[in-house]
Amino acid sequence: ETCIILISERTLKETKGEFIMKLTEAIAERVKDLLEKKNWKQYDLFKNGGIPRSTISNVVNQNKKRVSVDTIYQICSTFGITLSEFFDDKFFSDIED
């Protein structure tokens, strides 16, 4: 049995009590979470990391089906975290592709 639940303006599928996200959705949510923790806007990520604003917007708004590892690495570097720290988060517990 599957139902759709709206939480914090994002749609997640709940199957057997577990929430499942697509990878791009999880990446977007993780970036939003890191922005919030630093009290940054997307502009701050661009300004501090030199990542094109369009790239940041595409990641956060899930405008592309895939996010390159290079982009994630640049984001991590700007936040001062490793790739391992980026992916070691609740958002990546249950991924559906």
PDB file of N, CA and C in Angstrom:
ATOM      1  N   GLU A   1       0.839  -1.181   0.000  1.00  0.00           N
ATOM      2  CA  GLU A   1       0.000   0.000   0.000  1.00  0.00           C
ATOM      3  C   GLU A   1       0.883   1.244   0.000  1.00  0.00           C
ATOM      4  N   THR A   2       0.622   2.168  -0.910  1.00  0.00           N
ATOM      5  CA  THR A   2       1.400   3.392  -1.029  1.00  0.00           C
ATOM      6  C   THR A   2       0.461   4.581  -0.958  1.00  0.00           C
ATOM      7  N   CYS A   3       0.896   5.612  -0.207  1.00  0.00           N
ATOM      8  CA  CYS A   3       0.126   6.853  -0.166  1.00  0.00           C
ATOM      9  C   CYS A   3       1.097   8.009  -0.315  1.00  0.00           C
ATOM     10  N   ILE A   4       0.603   9.142  -0.762  1.00  0.00           N
ATOM     11  CA  ILE A   4       1.426  10.322  -0.943  1.00  0.00           C
ATOM     12  C   ILE A   4       1.161  11.273   0.213  1.00  0.00           C
ATOM     13  N   ILE A   5       2.245  11.786   0.807  1.00  0.00           N
ATOM     14  CA  ILE A   5       2.135  12.680   1.949  1.00  0.00           C
ATOM     15  C   ILE A   5       2.913  13.954   1.617  1.00  0.00           C
ATOM     16  N   LEU A   6       2.365  15.111   1.950  1.00  0.00           N
ATOM     17  CA  LEU A   6       3.045  16.378   1.721  1.00  0.00           C
ATOM     18  C   LEU A   6       3.661  16.834   3.038  1.00  0.00           C
ATOM     19  N   ILE A   7       4.987  16.940   3.039  1.00  0.00           N
ATOM     20  CA  ILE A   7       5.700  17.378   4.233  1.00  0.00           C
ATOM     21  C   ILE A   7       6.628  18.517   3.825  1.00  0.00           C
ATOM     22  N   SER A   8       6.520  19.635   4.492  1.00  0.00           N
ATOM     23  CA  SER A   8       7.390  20.774   4.214  1.00  0.00           C
ATOM     24  C   SER A   8       7.455  21.089   2.726  1.00  0.00           C
ATOM     25  N   GLU A   9       6.336  21.107   2.083  1.00  0.00           N
ATOM     26  CA  GLU A   9       6.217  21.434   0.675  1.00  0.00           C
ATOM     27  C   GLU A   9       6.960  20.470  -0.246  1.00  0.00           C
ATOM     28  N   ARG A  10       7.216  19.263   0.189  1.00  0.00           N
ATOM     29  CA  ARG A  10       7.806  18.261  -0.705  1.00  0.00           C
ATOM     30  C   ARG A  10       6.977  16.997  -0.619  1.00  0.00           C
ATOM     31  N   THR A  11       6.858  16.314  -1.721  1.00  0.00           N
ATOM     32  CA  THR A  11       6.057  15.108  -1.765  1.00  0.00           C
ATOM     33  C   THR A  11       6.944  13.892  -1.594  1.00  0.00           C
ATOM     34  N   LEU A  12       6.583  13.043  -0.675  1.00  0.00           N
ATOM     35  CA  LEU A  12       7.318  11.813  -0.430  1.00  0.00           C
ATOM     36  C   LEU A  12       6.342  10.657  -0.507  1.00  0.00           C
ATOM     37  N   LYS A  13       6.818   9.525  -0.984  1.00  0.00           N
ATOM     38  CA  LYS A  13       5.989   8.329  -0.976  1.00  0.00           C
ATOM     39  C   LYS A  13       6.229   7.607   0.336  1.00  0.00           C
ATOM     40  N   GLU A  14       5.175   7.126   0.921  1.00  0.00           N
ATOM     41  CA  GLU A  14       5.329   6.328   2.129  1.00  0.00           C
ATOM     42  C   GLU A  14       4.913   4.899   1.805  1.00  0.00           C
ATOM     43  N   THR A  15       5.846   3.983   1.944  1.00  0.00           N
ATOM     44  CA  THR A  15       5.590   2.581   1.708  1.00  0.00           C
ATOM     45  C   THR A  15       5.986   1.819   2.957  1.00  0.00           C
ATOM     46  N   LYS A  16       5.047   1.122   3.550  1.00  0.00           N
ATOM     47  CA  LYS A  16       5.305   0.361   4.772  1.00  0.00           C
ATOM     48  C   LYS A  16       5.952   1.228   5.849  1.00  0.00           C
ATOM     49  N   GLY A  17       5.495   2.476   5.960  1.00  0.00           N
ATOM     50  CA  GLY A  17       5.987   3.358   7.007  1.00  0.00           C
ATOM     51  C   GLY A  17       7.328   4.008   6.731  1.00  0.00           C
ATOM     52  N   GLU A  18       7.929   3.796   5.555  1.00  0.00           N
ATOM     53  CA  GLU A  18       9.221   4.382   5.240  1.00  0.00           C
ATOM     54  C   GLU A  18       9.060   5.420   4.132  1.00  0.00           C
ATOM     55  N   PHE A  19       9.747   6.526   4.276  1.00  0.00           N
ATOM     56  CA  PHE A  19       9.711   7.556   3.260  1.00  0.00           C
ATOM     57  C   PHE A  19      10.783   7.282   2.219  1.00  0.00           C
ATOM     58  N   ILE A  20      10.432   7.451   0.963  1.00  0.00           N
ATOM     59  CA  ILE A  20      11.344   7.175  -0.138  1.00  0.00           C
ATOM     60  C   ILE A  20      11.469   8.442  -0.989  1.00  0.00           C
ATOM     61  N   MET A  21      12.700   8.822  -1.304  1.00  0.00           N
ATOM     62  CA  MET A  21      12.954   9.992  -2.138  1.00  0.00           C
ATOM     63  C   MET A  21      13.753   9.572  -3.359  1.00  0.00           C
ATOM     64  N   LYS A  22      13.657  10.353  -4.390  1.00  0.00           N
ATOM     65  CA  LYS A  22      14.542  10.194  -5.536  1.00  0.00           C
ATOM     66  C   LYS A  22      15.883  10.832  -5.166  1.00  0.00           C
ATOM     67  N   LEU A  23      16.949  10.393  -5.807  1.00  0.00           N
ATOM     68  CA  LEU A  23      18.284  10.882  -5.481  1.00  0.00           C
ATOM     69  C   LEU A  23      18.393  12.395  -5.655  1.00  0.00           C
ATOM     70  N   THR A  24      17.886  12.927  -6.766  1.00  0.00           N
ATOM     71  CA  THR A  24      17.980  14.377  -6.981  1.00  0.00           C
ATOM     72  C   THR A  24      17.203  15.145  -5.920  1.00  0.00           C
ATOM     73  N   GLU A  25      16.100  14.569  -5.462  1.00  0.00           N
ATOM     74  CA  GLU A  25      15.303  15.182  -4.400  1.00  0.00           C
ATOM     75  C   GLU A  25      16.090  15.197  -3.094  1.00  0.00           C
ATOM     76  N   ALA A  26      16.760  14.087  -2.794  1.00  0.00           N
ATOM     77  CA  ALA A  26      17.557  13.988  -1.570  1.00  0.00           C
ATOM     78  C   ALA A  26      18.721  14.978  -1.604  1.00  0.00           C
ATOM     79  N   ILE A  27      19.378  15.101  -2.757  1.00  0.00           N
ATOM     80  CA  ILE A  27      20.474  16.061  -2.895  1.00  0.00           C
ATOM     81  C   ILE A  27      19.965  17.474  -2.690  1.00  0.00           C
ATOM     82  N   ALA A  28      18.835  17.802  -3.302  1.00  0.00           N
ATOM     83  CA  ALA A  28      18.249  19.135  -3.152  1.00  0.00           C
ATOM     84  C   ALA A  28      17.922  19.424  -1.690  1.00  0.00           C
ATOM     85  N   GLU A  29      17.312  18.466  -1.018  1.00  0.00           N
ATOM     86  CA  GLU A  29      16.941  18.653   0.390  1.00  0.00           C
ATOM     87  C   GLU A  29      18.173  18.801   1.272  1.00  0.00           C
ATOM     88  N   ARG A  30      19.230  18.049   0.960  1.00  0.00           N
ATOM     89  CA  ARG A  30      20.469  18.143   1.734  1.00  0.00           C
ATOM     90  C   ARG A  30      21.103  19.519   1.561  1.00  0.00           C
ATOM     91  N   VAL A  31      21.137  20.029   0.331  1.00  0.00           N
ATOM     92  CA  VAL A  31      21.690  21.366   0.083  1.00  0.00           C
ATOM     93  C   VAL A  31      20.852  22.414   0.810  1.00  0.00           C
ATOM     94  N   LYS A  32      19.533  22.309   0.738  1.00  0.00           N
ATOM     95  CA  LYS A  32      18.665  23.253   1.451  1.00  0.00           C
ATOM     96  C   LYS A  32      18.934  23.212   2.951  1.00  0.00           C
ATOM     97  N   ASP A  33      19.122  22.006   3.475  1.00  0.00           N
ATOM     98  CA  ASP A  33      19.404  21.825   4.898  1.00  0.00           C
ATOM     99  C   ASP A  33      20.727  22.507   5.277  1.00  0.00           C
ATOM    100  N   LEU A  34      21.750  22.312   4.459  1.00  0.00           N
ATOM    101  CA  LEU A  34      23.050  22.934   4.726  1.00  0.00           C
ATOM    102  C   LEU A  34      22.978  24.455   4.604  1.00  0.00           C
ATOM    103  N   LEU A  35      22.224  24.943   3.633  1.00  0.00           N
ATOM    104  CA  LEU A  35      22.030  26.393   3.505  1.00  0.00           C
ATOM    105  C   LEU A  35      21.368  26.949   4.766  1.00  0.00           C
ATOM    106  N   GLU A  36      20.351  26.266   5.227  1.00  0.00           N
ATOM    107  CA  GLU A  36      19.630  26.701   6.423  1.00  0.00           C
ATOM    108  C   GLU A  36      20.538  26.701   7.656  1.00  0.00           C
ATOM    109  N   LYS A  37      21.357  25.654   7.795  1.00  0.00           N
ATOM    110  CA  LYS A  37      22.261  25.555   8.953  1.00  0.00           C
ATOM    111  C   LYS A  37      23.281  26.686   8.979  1.00  0.00           C
ATOM    112  N   LYS A  38      23.706  27.141   7.802  1.00  0.00           N
ATOM    113  CA  LYS A  38      24.669  28.241   7.715  1.00  0.00           C
ATOM    114  C   LYS A  38      23.972  29.600   7.629  1.00  0.00           C
ATOM    115  N   ASN A  39      22.639  29.560   7.583  1.00  0.00           N
ATOM    116  CA  ASN A  39      21.849  30.780   7.418  1.00  0.00           C
ATOM    117  C   ASN A  39      22.243  31.501   6.119  1.00  0.00           C
ATOM    118  N   TRP A  40      22.418  30.704   5.071  1.00  0.00           N
ATOM    119  CA  TRP A  40      22.791  31.200   3.754  1.00  0.00           C
ATOM    120  C   TRP A  40      21.606  31.127   2.804  1.00  0.00           C
ATOM    121  N   LYS A  41      21.684  31.955   1.780  1.00  0.00           N
ATOM    122  CA  LYS A  41      20.794  31.878   0.626  1.00  0.00           C
ATOM    123  C   LYS A  41      21.586  31.226  -0.507  1.00  0.00           C
ATOM    124  N   GLN A  42      20.908  30.893  -1.594  1.00  0.00           N
ATOM    125  CA  GLN A  42      21.607  30.327  -2.745  1.00  0.00           C
ATOM    126  C   GLN A  42      22.710  31.261  -3.228  1.00  0.00           C
ATOM    127  N   TYR A  43      22.464  32.554  -3.144  1.00  0.00           N
ATOM    128  CA  TYR A  43      23.455  33.543  -3.571  1.00  0.00           C
ATOM    129  C   TYR A  43      24.757  33.397  -2.788  1.00  0.00           C
ATOM    130  N   ASP A  44      24.667  33.115  -1.488  1.00  0.00           N
ATOM    131  CA  ASP A  44      25.863  32.961  -0.657  1.00  0.00           C
ATOM    132  C   ASP A  44      26.692  31.767  -1.102  1.00  0.00           C
ATOM    133  N   LEU A  45      26.026  30.702  -1.512  1.00  0.00           N
ATOM    134  CA  LEU A  45      26.726  29.519  -2.017  1.00  0.00           C
ATOM    135  C   LEU A  45      27.471  29.866  -3.302  1.00  0.00           C
ATOM    136  N   PHE A  46      26.833  30.626  -4.167  1.00  0.00           N
ATOM    137  CA  PHE A  46      27.465  31.109  -5.402  1.00  0.00           C
ATOM    138  C   PHE A  46      28.647  32.026  -5.069  1.00  0.00           C
ATOM    139  N   LYS A  47      28.419  32.987  -4.197  1.00  0.00           N
ATOM    140  CA  LYS A  47      29.428  33.986  -3.855  1.00  0.00           C
ATOM    141  C   LYS A  47      30.656  33.357  -3.193  1.00  0.00           C
ATOM    142  N   ASN A  48      30.437  32.418  -2.291  1.00  0.00           N
ATOM    143  CA  ASN A  48      31.536  31.815  -1.540  1.00  0.00           C
ATOM    144  C   ASN A  48      32.212  30.656  -2.266  1.00  0.00           C
ATOM    145  N   GLY A  49      31.502  30.048  -3.218  1.00  0.00           N
ATOM    146  CA  GLY A  49      32.070  28.876  -3.874  1.00  0.00           C
ATOM    147  C   GLY A  49      32.330  29.022  -5.351  1.00  0.00           C
ATOM    148  N   GLY A  50      31.819  30.093  -5.942  1.00  0.00           N
ATOM    149  CA  GLY A  50      32.029  30.287  -7.368  1.00  0.00           C
ATOM    150  C   GLY A  50      31.240  29.326  -8.253  1.00  0.00           C
ATOM    151  N   ILE A  51      30.273  28.648  -7.654  1.00  0.00           N
ATOM    152  CA  ILE A  51      29.419  27.740  -8.424  1.00  0.00           C
ATOM    153  C   ILE A  51      28.400  28.606  -9.163  1.00  0.00           C
ATOM    154  N   PRO A  52      28.214  28.393 -10.462  1.00  0.00           N
ATOM    155  CA  PRO A  52      27.244  29.212 -11.193  1.00  0.00           C
ATOM    156  C   PRO A  52      25.865  29.206 -10.517  1.00  0.00           C
ATOM    157  N   ARG A  53      25.256  30.370 -10.474  1.00  0.00           N
ATOM    158  CA  ARG A  53      23.939  30.509  -9.836  1.00  0.00           C
ATOM    159  C   ARG A  53      22.918  29.587 -10.481  1.00  0.00           C
ATOM    160  N   SER A  54      23.014  29.433 -11.799  1.00  0.00           N
ATOM    161  CA  SER A  54      22.065  28.562 -12.502  1.00  0.00           C
ATOM    162  C   SER A  54      22.229  27.112 -12.057  1.00  0.00           C
ATOM    163  N   THR A  55      23.466  26.694 -11.796  1.00  0.00           N
ATOM    164  CA  THR A  55      23.725  25.330 -11.338  1.00  0.00           C
ATOM    165  C   THR A  55      23.116  25.115  -9.962  1.00  0.00           C
ATOM    166  N   ILE A  56      23.332  26.060  -9.062  1.00  0.00           N
ATOM    167  CA  ILE A  56      22.775  25.960  -7.706  1.00  0.00           C
ATOM    168  C   ILE A  56      21.256  25.912  -7.776  1.00  0.00           C
ATOM    169  N   SER A  57      20.675  26.773  -8.583  1.00  0.00           N
ATOM    170  CA  SER A  57      19.218  26.793  -8.742  1.00  0.00           C
ATOM    171  C   SER A  57      18.706  25.473  -9.300  1.00  0.00           C
ATOM    172  N   ASN A  58      19.402  24.930 -10.294  1.00  0.00           N
ATOM    173  CA  ASN A  58      18.994  23.647 -10.877  1.00  0.00           C
ATOM    174  C   ASN A  58      19.029  22.529  -9.850  1.00  0.00           C
ATOM    175  N   VAL A  59      20.046  22.525  -8.976  1.00  0.00           N
ATOM    176  CA  VAL A  59      20.158  21.495  -7.942  1.00  0.00           C
ATOM    177  C   VAL A  59      19.024  21.644  -6.936  1.00  0.00           C
ATOM    178  N   VAL A  60      18.857  22.835  -6.398  1.00  0.00           N
ATOM    179  CA  VAL A  60      17.866  23.077  -5.344  1.00  0.00           C
ATOM    180  C   VAL A  60      16.438  22.884  -5.845  1.00  0.00           C
ATOM    181  N   ASN A  61      16.173  23.299  -7.076  1.00  0.00           N
ATOM    182  CA  ASN A  61      14.816  23.203  -7.635  1.00  0.00           C
ATOM    183  C   ASN A  61      14.585  21.925  -8.432  1.00  0.00           C
ATOM    184  N   GLN A  62      15.580  21.046  -8.452  1.00  0.00           N
ATOM    185  CA  GLN A  62      15.486  19.753  -9.126  1.00  0.00           C
ATOM    186  C   GLN A  62      15.103  19.898 -10.596  1.00  0.00           C
ATOM    187  N   ASN A  63      15.743  20.844 -11.257  1.00  0.00           N
ATOM    188  CA  ASN A  63      15.445  21.090 -12.672  1.00  0.00           C
ATOM    189  C   ASN A  63      16.112  20.091 -13.608  1.00  0.00           C
ATOM    190  N   LYS A  64      17.084  19.361 -13.109  1.00  0.00           N
ATOM    191  CA  LYS A  64      17.792  18.364 -13.914  1.00  0.00           C
ATOM    192  C   LYS A  64      17.588  16.989 -13.305  1.00  0.00           C
ATOM    193  N   LYS A  65      17.648  15.959 -14.135  1.00  0.00           N
ATOM    194  CA  LYS A  65      17.467  14.593 -13.637  1.00  0.00           C
ATOM    195  C   LYS A  65      18.691  14.082 -12.905  1.00  0.00           C
ATOM    196  N   ARG A  66      19.860  14.648 -13.200  1.00  0.00           N
ATOM    197  CA  ARG A  66      21.111  14.187 -12.605  1.00  0.00           C
ATOM    198  C   ARG A  66      21.910  15.393 -12.094  1.00  0.00           C
ATOM    199  N   VAL A  67      22.682  15.168 -11.045  1.00  0.00           N
ATOM    200  CA  VAL A  67      23.611  16.171 -10.521  1.00  0.00           C
ATOM    201  C   VAL A  67      24.992  15.536 -10.578  1.00  0.00           C
ATOM    202  N   SER A  68      25.950  16.230 -11.170  1.00  0.00           N
ATOM    203  CA  SER A  68      27.288  15.647 -11.314  1.00  0.00           C
ATOM    204  C   SER A  68      28.006  15.585  -9.967  1.00  0.00           C
ATOM    205  N   VAL A  69      28.891  14.626  -9.852  1.00  0.00           N
ATOM    206  CA  VAL A  69      29.698  14.482  -8.643  1.00  0.00           C
ATOM    207  C   VAL A  69      30.568  15.726  -8.466  1.00  0.00           C
ATOM    208  N   ASP A  70      31.036  16.286  -9.563  1.00  0.00           N
ATOM    209  CA  ASP A  70      31.845  17.497  -9.506  1.00  0.00           C
ATOM    210  C   ASP A  70      31.065  18.646  -8.859  1.00  0.00           C
ATOM    211  N   THR A  71      29.812  18.797  -9.234  1.00  0.00           N
ATOM    212  CA  THR A  71      28.965  19.839  -8.645  1.00  0.00           C
ATOM    213  C   THR A  71      28.772  19.593  -7.156  1.00  0.00           C
ATOM    214  N   ILE A  72      28.490  18.354  -6.783  1.00  0.00           N
ATOM    215  CA  ILE A  72      28.311  18.030  -5.365  1.00  0.00           C
ATOM    216  C   ILE A  72      29.613  18.291  -4.611  1.00  0.00           C
ATOM    217  N   TYR A  73      30.739  17.935  -5.227  1.00  0.00           N
ATOM    218  CA  TYR A  73      32.041  18.174  -4.601  1.00  0.00           C
ATOM    219  C   TYR A  73      32.265  19.674  -4.371  1.00  0.00           C
ATOM    220  N   GLN A  74      31.948  20.500  -5.368  1.00  0.00           N
ATOM    221  CA  GLN A  74      32.091  21.955  -5.234  1.00  0.00           C
ATOM    222  C   GLN A  74      31.202  22.494  -4.111  1.00  0.00           C
ATOM    223  N   ILE A  75      29.992  21.971  -4.028  1.00  0.00           N
ATOM    224  CA  ILE A  75      29.073  22.383  -2.964  1.00  0.00           C
ATOM    225  C   ILE A  75      29.655  21.997  -1.604  1.00  0.00           C
ATOM    226  N   CYS A  76      30.134  20.765  -1.498  1.00  0.00           N
ATOM    227  CA  CYS A  76      30.727  20.289  -0.241  1.00  0.00           C
ATOM    228  C   CYS A  76      31.917  21.148   0.155  1.00  0.00           C
ATOM    229  N   SER A  77      32.780  21.423  -0.807  1.00  0.00           N
ATOM    230  CA  SER A  77      33.965  22.227  -0.552  1.00  0.00           C
ATOM    231  C   SER A  77      33.580  23.605  -0.024  1.00  0.00           C
ATOM    232  N   THR A  78      32.565  24.196  -0.610  1.00  0.00           N
ATOM    233  CA  THR A  78      32.102  25.516  -0.179  1.00  0.00           C
ATOM    234  C   THR A  78      31.547  25.468   1.240  1.00  0.00           C
ATOM    235  N   PHE A  79      30.844  24.396   1.576  1.00  0.00           N
ATOM    236  CA  PHE A  79      30.304  24.250   2.926  1.00  0.00           C
ATOM    237  C   PHE A  79      31.362  23.774   3.925  1.00  0.00           C
ATOM    238  N   GLY A  80      32.525  23.354   3.428  1.00  0.00           N
ATOM    239  CA  GLY A  80      33.585  22.878   4.310  1.00  0.00           C
ATOM    240  C   GLY A  80      33.342  21.478   4.852  1.00  0.00           C
ATOM    241  N   ILE A  81      32.686  20.634   4.028  1.00  0.00           N
ATOM    242  CA  ILE A  81      32.433  19.253   4.427  1.00  0.00           C
ATOM    243  C   ILE A  81      32.942  18.311   3.342  1.00  0.00           C
ATOM    244  N   THR A  82      33.083  17.050   3.697  1.00  0.00           N
ATOM    245  CA  THR A  82      33.510  16.042   2.725  1.00  0.00           C
ATOM    246  C   THR A  82      32.292  15.457   2.019  1.00  0.00           C
ATOM    247  N   LEU A  83      32.557  14.737   0.933  1.00  0.00           N
ATOM    248  CA  LEU A  83      31.471  14.026   0.253  1.00  0.00           C
ATOM    249  C   LEU A  83      30.825  13.014   1.211  1.00  0.00           C
ATOM    250  N   SER A  84      31.648  12.357   2.014  1.00  0.00           N
ATOM    251  CA  SER A  84      31.109  11.386   2.981  1.00  0.00           C
ATOM    252  C   SER A  84      30.150  12.059   3.952  1.00  0.00           C
ATOM    253  N   GLU A  85      30.521  13.232   4.436  1.00  0.00           N
ATOM    254  CA  GLU A  85      29.649  13.962   5.361  1.00  0.00           C
ATOM    255  C   GLU A  85      28.361  14.408   4.668  1.00  0.00           C
ATOM    256  N   PHE A  86      28.480  14.780   3.399  1.00  0.00           N
ATOM    257  CA  PHE A  86      27.298  15.203   2.645  1.00  0.00           C
ATOM    258  C   PHE A  86      26.278  14.067   2.554  1.00  0.00           C
ATOM    259  N   PHE A  87      26.767  12.879   2.190  1.00  0.00           N
ATOM    260  CA  PHE A  87      25.859  11.753   1.976  1.00  0.00           C
ATOM    261  C   PHE A  87      25.495  11.000   3.252  1.00  0.00           C
ATOM    262  N   ASP A  88      26.186  11.262   4.342  1.00  0.00           N
ATOM    263  CA  ASP A  88      25.883  10.619   5.617  1.00  0.00           C
ATOM    264  C   ASP A  88      24.782  11.407   6.318  1.00  0.00           C
ATOM    265  N   ASP A  89      23.591  11.320   5.766  1.00  0.00           N
ATOM    266  CA  ASP A  89      22.460  12.106   6.265  1.00  0.00           C
ATOM    267  C   ASP A  89      21.169  11.334   6.048  1.00  0.00           C
ATOM    268  N   LYS A  90      20.177  11.661   6.835  1.00  0.00           N
ATOM    269  CA  LYS A  90      18.879  10.981   6.782  1.00  0.00           C
ATOM    270  C   LYS A  90      18.229  11.035   5.399  1.00  0.00           C
ATOM    271  N   PHE A  91      18.522  12.079   4.640  1.00  0.00           N
ATOM    272  CA  PHE A  91      17.914  12.213   3.317  1.00  0.00           C
ATOM    273  C   PHE A  91      18.290  11.068   2.378  1.00  0.00           C
ATOM    274  N   PHE A  92      19.416  10.409   2.649  1.00  0.00           N
ATOM    275  CA  PHE A  92      19.906   9.366   1.752  1.00  0.00           C
ATOM    276  C   PHE A  92      19.635   7.948   2.281  1.00  0.00           C
ATOM    277  N   SER A  93      18.787   7.843   3.303  1.00  0.00           N
ATOM    278  CA  SER A  93      18.480   6.546   3.897  1.00  0.00           C
ATOM    279  C   SER A  93      17.707   5.631   2.941  1.00  0.00           C
ATOM    280  N   ASP A  94      16.710   6.177   2.299  1.00  0.00           N
ATOM    281  CA  ASP A  94      15.860   5.388   1.394  1.00  0.00           C
ATOM    282  C   ASP A  94      15.718   6.135   0.076  1.00  0.00           C
ATOM    283  N   ILE A  95      16.489   5.702  -0.908  1.00  0.00           N
ATOM    284  CA  ILE A  95      16.499   6.348  -2.215  1.00  0.00           C
ATOM    285  C   ILE A  95      15.820   5.459  -3.243  1.00  0.00           C
ATOM    286  N   GLU A  96      14.999   6.087  -4.059  1.00  0.00           N
ATOM    287  CA  GLU A  96      14.357   5.391  -5.176  1.00  0.00           C
ATOM    288  C   GLU A  96      14.838   6.076  -6.439  1.00  0.00           C
ATOM    289  N   ASP A  97      15.192   5.318  -7.460  1.00  0.00           N
ATOM    290  CA  ASP A  97      15.672   5.937  -8.692  1.00  0.00           C
ATOM    291  C   ASP A  97      14.638   5.923  -9.760  1.00  0.00           C
TER     292      ASP A  97
END
